[in-house]
Amino acid sequence: MSGTESIRVGNKGRIVLPADIRQRRQWAEGTTLVAVETESGVLLAERSALEEILRKQLSGADVVASLLEDRRRASAAEDDA
């Protein structure tokens, strides 16, 4: 992988990805990308790559238990109000 590239936001909010990035990523014209806004910036990735990132982040996590615990805390806060 190469270093950092500067990209400008152009007319109508469009950006042009440098050719070397598109070639390394094998992103041809018409490739659908997903933009994910984070606290640190914006992640631009193909859907399959994004799914892999999420799988790694969630591996070993009990998402259902976490959601249930969040709901229990919210419910307790509502009862106290």
N, C-alpha and C. Protein backbone atom coordinates (compact mmCIF):
# COMPACT_ATOMS: atom_id res chain seq x y z
N MET A 1 0.83 -1.18 0.00
CA MET A 1 0.00 0.00 0.00
C MET A 1 0.87 1.24 0.00
N SER A 2 0.33 2.26 -0.56
CA SER A 2 1.06 3.51 -0.66
C SER A 2 0.71 4.41 0.51
N GLY A 3 1.20 5.63 0.45
CA GLY A 3 0.99 6.60 1.52
C GLY A 3 -0.34 7.31 1.44
N THR A 4 -0.31 8.55 1.82
CA THR A 4 -1.50 9.38 1.91
C THR A 4 -1.75 10.11 0.59
N GLU A 5 -3.01 10.22 0.22
CA GLU A 5 -3.41 10.94 -0.99
C GLU A 5 -4.33 12.08 -0.59
N SER A 6 -4.18 13.22 -1.23
CA SER A 6 -5.10 14.34 -1.02
C SER A 6 -6.22 14.25 -2.04
N ILE A 7 -7.43 14.45 -1.57
CA ILE A 7 -8.61 14.39 -2.44
C ILE A 7 -9.45 15.63 -2.14
N ARG A 8 -9.88 16.30 -3.19
CA ARG A 8 -10.73 17.49 -3.02
C ARG A 8 -12.19 17.15 -3.29
N VAL A 9 -13.05 17.80 -2.53
CA VAL A 9 -14.48 17.70 -2.79
C VAL A 9 -14.80 18.69 -3.90
N GLY A 10 -15.39 18.21 -4.96
CA GLY A 10 -15.67 19.05 -6.11
C GLY A 10 -17.13 19.43 -6.23
N ASN A 11 -17.48 19.80 -7.44
CA ASN A 11 -18.84 20.21 -7.77
C ASN A 11 -19.84 19.13 -7.34
N LYS A 12 -20.91 19.55 -6.72
CA LYS A 12 -21.98 18.65 -6.27
C LYS A 12 -21.49 17.63 -5.24
N GLY A 13 -20.41 17.94 -4.52
CA GLY A 13 -19.91 17.06 -3.47
C GLY A 13 -19.18 15.84 -3.98
N ARG A 14 -18.83 15.83 -5.23
CA ARG A 14 -18.16 14.66 -5.81
C ARG A 14 -16.69 14.65 -5.45
N ILE A 15 -16.16 13.43 -5.29
CA ILE A 15 -14.73 13.26 -5.10
C ILE A 15 -14.22 12.32 -6.18
N VAL A 16 -12.95 12.46 -6.52
CA VAL A 16 -12.32 11.57 -7.48
C VAL A 16 -11.21 10.84 -6.75
N LEU A 17 -11.31 9.52 -6.72
CA LEU A 17 -10.26 8.73 -6.09
C LEU A 17 -9.09 8.60 -7.06
N PRO A 18 -7.88 8.80 -6.59
CA PRO A 18 -6.72 8.69 -7.47
C PRO A 18 -6.66 7.32 -8.14
N ALA A 19 -6.16 7.30 -9.37
CA ALA A 19 -6.12 6.08 -10.17
C ALA A 19 -5.34 4.97 -9.48
N ASP A 20 -4.23 5.30 -8.81
CA ASP A 20 -3.45 4.23 -8.18
C ASP A 20 -4.22 3.54 -7.06
N ILE A 21 -5.05 4.27 -6.33
CA ILE A 21 -5.90 3.65 -5.30
C ILE A 21 -6.93 2.75 -5.97
N ARG A 22 -7.58 3.25 -7.01
CA ARG A 22 -8.59 2.43 -7.71
C ARG A 22 -7.96 1.16 -8.28
N GLN A 23 -6.76 1.27 -8.81
CA GLN A 23 -6.10 0.09 -9.39
C GLN A 23 -5.72 -0.92 -8.31
N ARG A 24 -5.15 -0.45 -7.20
CA ARG A 24 -4.78 -1.37 -6.12
C ARG A 24 -6.00 -2.08 -5.55
N ARG A 25 -7.09 -1.36 -5.43
CA ARG A 25 -8.32 -1.93 -4.87
C ARG A 25 -9.16 -2.66 -5.91
N GLN A 26 -8.77 -2.54 -7.16
CA GLN A 26 -9.51 -3.12 -8.29
C GLN A 26 -10.95 -2.61 -8.31
N TRP A 27 -11.08 -1.29 -8.11
CA TRP A 27 -12.37 -0.63 -8.16
C TRP A 27 -12.56 -0.06 -9.56
N ALA A 28 -13.36 -0.74 -10.34
CA ALA A 28 -13.65 -0.29 -11.70
C ALA A 28 -14.83 0.68 -11.67
N GLU A 29 -15.05 1.35 -12.78
CA GLU A 29 -16.21 2.24 -12.89
C GLU A 29 -17.46 1.43 -12.58
N GLY A 30 -18.33 1.98 -11.75
CA GLY A 30 -19.56 1.32 -11.39
C GLY A 30 -19.48 0.53 -10.09
N THR A 31 -18.29 0.41 -9.50
CA THR A 31 -18.14 -0.29 -8.22
C THR A 31 -18.92 0.47 -7.16
N THR A 32 -19.73 -0.24 -6.38
CA THR A 32 -20.49 0.38 -5.30
C THR A 32 -19.67 0.34 -4.03
N LEU A 33 -19.49 1.50 -3.42
CA LEU A 33 -18.76 1.63 -2.16
C LEU A 33 -19.71 2.11 -1.07
N VAL A 34 -19.35 1.84 0.18
CA VAL A 34 -20.14 2.27 1.32
C VAL A 34 -19.30 3.26 2.11
N ALA A 35 -19.87 4.41 2.44
CA ALA A 35 -19.20 5.41 3.27
C ALA A 35 -19.75 5.31 4.68
N VAL A 36 -18.87 5.10 5.65
CA VAL A 36 -19.26 4.98 7.04
C VAL A 36 -18.62 6.13 7.81
N GLU A 37 -19.44 6.98 8.40
CA GLU A 37 -18.93 8.10 9.18
C GLU A 37 -18.61 7.62 10.59
N THR A 38 -17.41 7.92 11.06
CA THR A 38 -16.98 7.58 12.41
C THR A 38 -16.55 8.86 13.12
N GLU A 39 -16.21 8.75 14.39
CA GLU A 39 -15.72 9.92 15.11
C GLU A 39 -14.40 10.41 14.53
N SER A 40 -13.63 9.50 13.95
CA SER A 40 -12.30 9.85 13.43
C SER A 40 -12.31 10.32 11.99
N GLY A 41 -13.37 10.05 11.27
CA GLY A 41 -13.43 10.42 9.86
C GLY A 41 -14.42 9.55 9.12
N VAL A 42 -14.16 9.35 7.83
CA VAL A 42 -15.06 8.57 6.98
C VAL A 42 -14.30 7.39 6.41
N LEU A 43 -14.88 6.21 6.55
CA LEU A 43 -14.31 4.99 5.99
C LEU A 43 -15.02 4.70 4.69
N LEU A 44 -14.26 4.47 3.63
CA LEU A 44 -14.81 4.16 2.32
C LEU A 44 -14.38 2.75 1.97
N ALA A 45 -15.35 1.84 1.77
CA ALA A 45 -15.01 0.44 1.52
C ALA A 45 -16.08 -0.23 0.69
N GLU A 46 -15.69 -1.34 0.08
CA GLU A 46 -16.68 -2.18 -0.59
C GLU A 46 -17.51 -2.86 0.50
N ARG A 47 -18.72 -3.22 0.18
CA ARG A 47 -19.61 -3.85 1.16
C ARG A 47 -18.97 -5.11 1.75
N SER A 48 -18.36 -5.94 0.91
CA SER A 48 -17.75 -7.18 1.41
C SER A 48 -16.64 -6.90 2.41
N ALA A 49 -15.83 -5.87 2.15
CA ALA A 49 -14.77 -5.50 3.08
C ALA A 49 -15.35 -4.97 4.38
N LEU A 50 -16.42 -4.20 4.29
CA LEU A 50 -17.08 -3.66 5.47
C LEU A 50 -17.66 -4.79 6.32
N GLU A 51 -18.26 -5.77 5.67
CA GLU A 51 -18.80 -6.92 6.40
C GLU A 51 -17.70 -7.66 7.15
N GLU A 52 -16.53 -7.80 6.54
CA GLU A 52 -15.40 -8.46 7.20
C GLU A 52 -14.91 -7.66 8.39
N ILE A 53 -14.84 -6.34 8.25
CA ILE A 53 -14.43 -5.48 9.36
C ILE A 53 -15.40 -5.64 10.53
N LEU A 54 -16.69 -5.63 10.26
CA LEU A 54 -17.69 -5.78 11.31
C LEU A 54 -17.61 -7.16 11.97
N ARG A 55 -17.40 -8.21 11.17
CA ARG A 55 -17.25 -9.56 11.73
C ARG A 55 -16.10 -9.60 12.73
N LYS A 56 -14.97 -9.00 12.36
CA LYS A 56 -13.80 -9.00 13.24
C LYS A 56 -14.09 -8.22 14.52
N GLN A 57 -14.76 -7.08 14.37
CA GLN A 57 -15.06 -6.25 15.55
C GLN A 57 -16.05 -6.94 16.48
N LEU A 58 -16.96 -7.72 15.92
CA LEU A 58 -18.01 -8.35 16.73
C LEU A 58 -17.66 -9.78 17.15
N SER A 59 -16.54 -10.30 16.69
CA SER A 59 -16.20 -11.67 17.04
C SER A 59 -16.06 -11.80 18.55
N GLY A 60 -16.70 -12.80 19.08
CA GLY A 60 -16.65 -13.03 20.52
C GLY A 60 -17.64 -12.17 21.30
N ALA A 61 -18.25 -11.22 20.66
CA ALA A 61 -19.21 -10.34 21.35
C ALA A 61 -20.59 -10.98 21.35
N ASP A 62 -21.26 -10.86 22.47
CA ASP A 62 -22.63 -11.34 22.56
C ASP A 62 -23.54 -10.13 22.34
N VAL A 63 -23.86 -9.88 21.08
CA VAL A 63 -24.60 -8.68 20.71
C VAL A 63 -25.99 -8.66 21.34
N VAL A 64 -26.67 -9.80 21.35
CA VAL A 64 -28.02 -9.87 21.92
C VAL A 64 -27.98 -9.53 23.41
N ALA A 65 -27.04 -10.12 24.14
CA ALA A 65 -26.93 -9.83 25.58
C ALA A 65 -26.64 -8.35 25.82
N SER A 66 -25.79 -7.78 24.98
CA SER A 66 -25.47 -6.37 25.11
C SER A 66 -26.69 -5.49 24.88
N LEU A 67 -27.47 -5.82 23.85
CA LEU A 67 -28.69 -5.06 23.57
C LEU A 67 -29.71 -5.20 24.70
N LEU A 68 -29.85 -6.41 25.21
CA LEU A 68 -30.79 -6.62 26.33
C LEU A 68 -30.36 -5.82 27.56
N GLU A 69 -29.08 -5.82 27.87
CA GLU A 69 -28.57 -5.06 29.01
C GLU A 69 -28.81 -3.56 28.82
N ASP A 70 -28.59 -3.06 27.61
CA ASP A 70 -28.87 -1.65 27.32
C ASP A 70 -30.34 -1.34 27.55
N ARG A 71 -31.21 -2.22 27.09
CA ARG A 71 -32.66 -2.00 27.26
C ARG A 71 -33.06 -2.04 28.73
N ARG A 72 -32.46 -2.96 29.50
CA ARG A 72 -32.76 -3.03 30.93
C ARG A 72 -32.36 -1.75 31.65
N ARG A 73 -31.18 -1.22 31.29
CA ARG A 73 -30.73 0.04 31.91
C ARG A 73 -31.67 1.18 31.54
N ALA A 74 -32.10 1.23 30.29
CA ALA A 74 -33.01 2.30 29.85
C ALA A 74 -34.35 2.18 30.58
N SER A 75 -34.81 0.96 30.73
CA SER A 75 -36.09 0.72 31.41
C SER A 75 -36.00 1.14 32.88
N ALA A 76 -34.88 0.79 33.52
CA ALA A 76 -34.70 1.17 34.93
C ALA A 76 -34.65 2.68 35.06
N ALA A 77 -34.00 3.36 34.12
CA ALA A 77 -33.93 4.82 34.16
C ALA A 77 -35.30 5.43 33.98
N GLU A 78 -36.13 4.83 33.12
CA GLU A 78 -37.50 5.33 32.92
C GLU A 78 -38.32 5.13 34.18
N ASP A 79 -38.13 4.01 34.88
CA ASP A 79 -38.88 3.74 36.12
C ASP A 79 -38.51 4.72 37.21
N ASP A 80 -37.24 5.14 37.24
CA ASP A 80 -36.77 6.07 38.26
C ASP A 80 -37.26 7.49 38.01
N ALA A 81 -37.63 7.79 36.78
CA ALA A 81 -38.02 9.16 36.43
C ALA A 81 -39.40 9.52 36.87
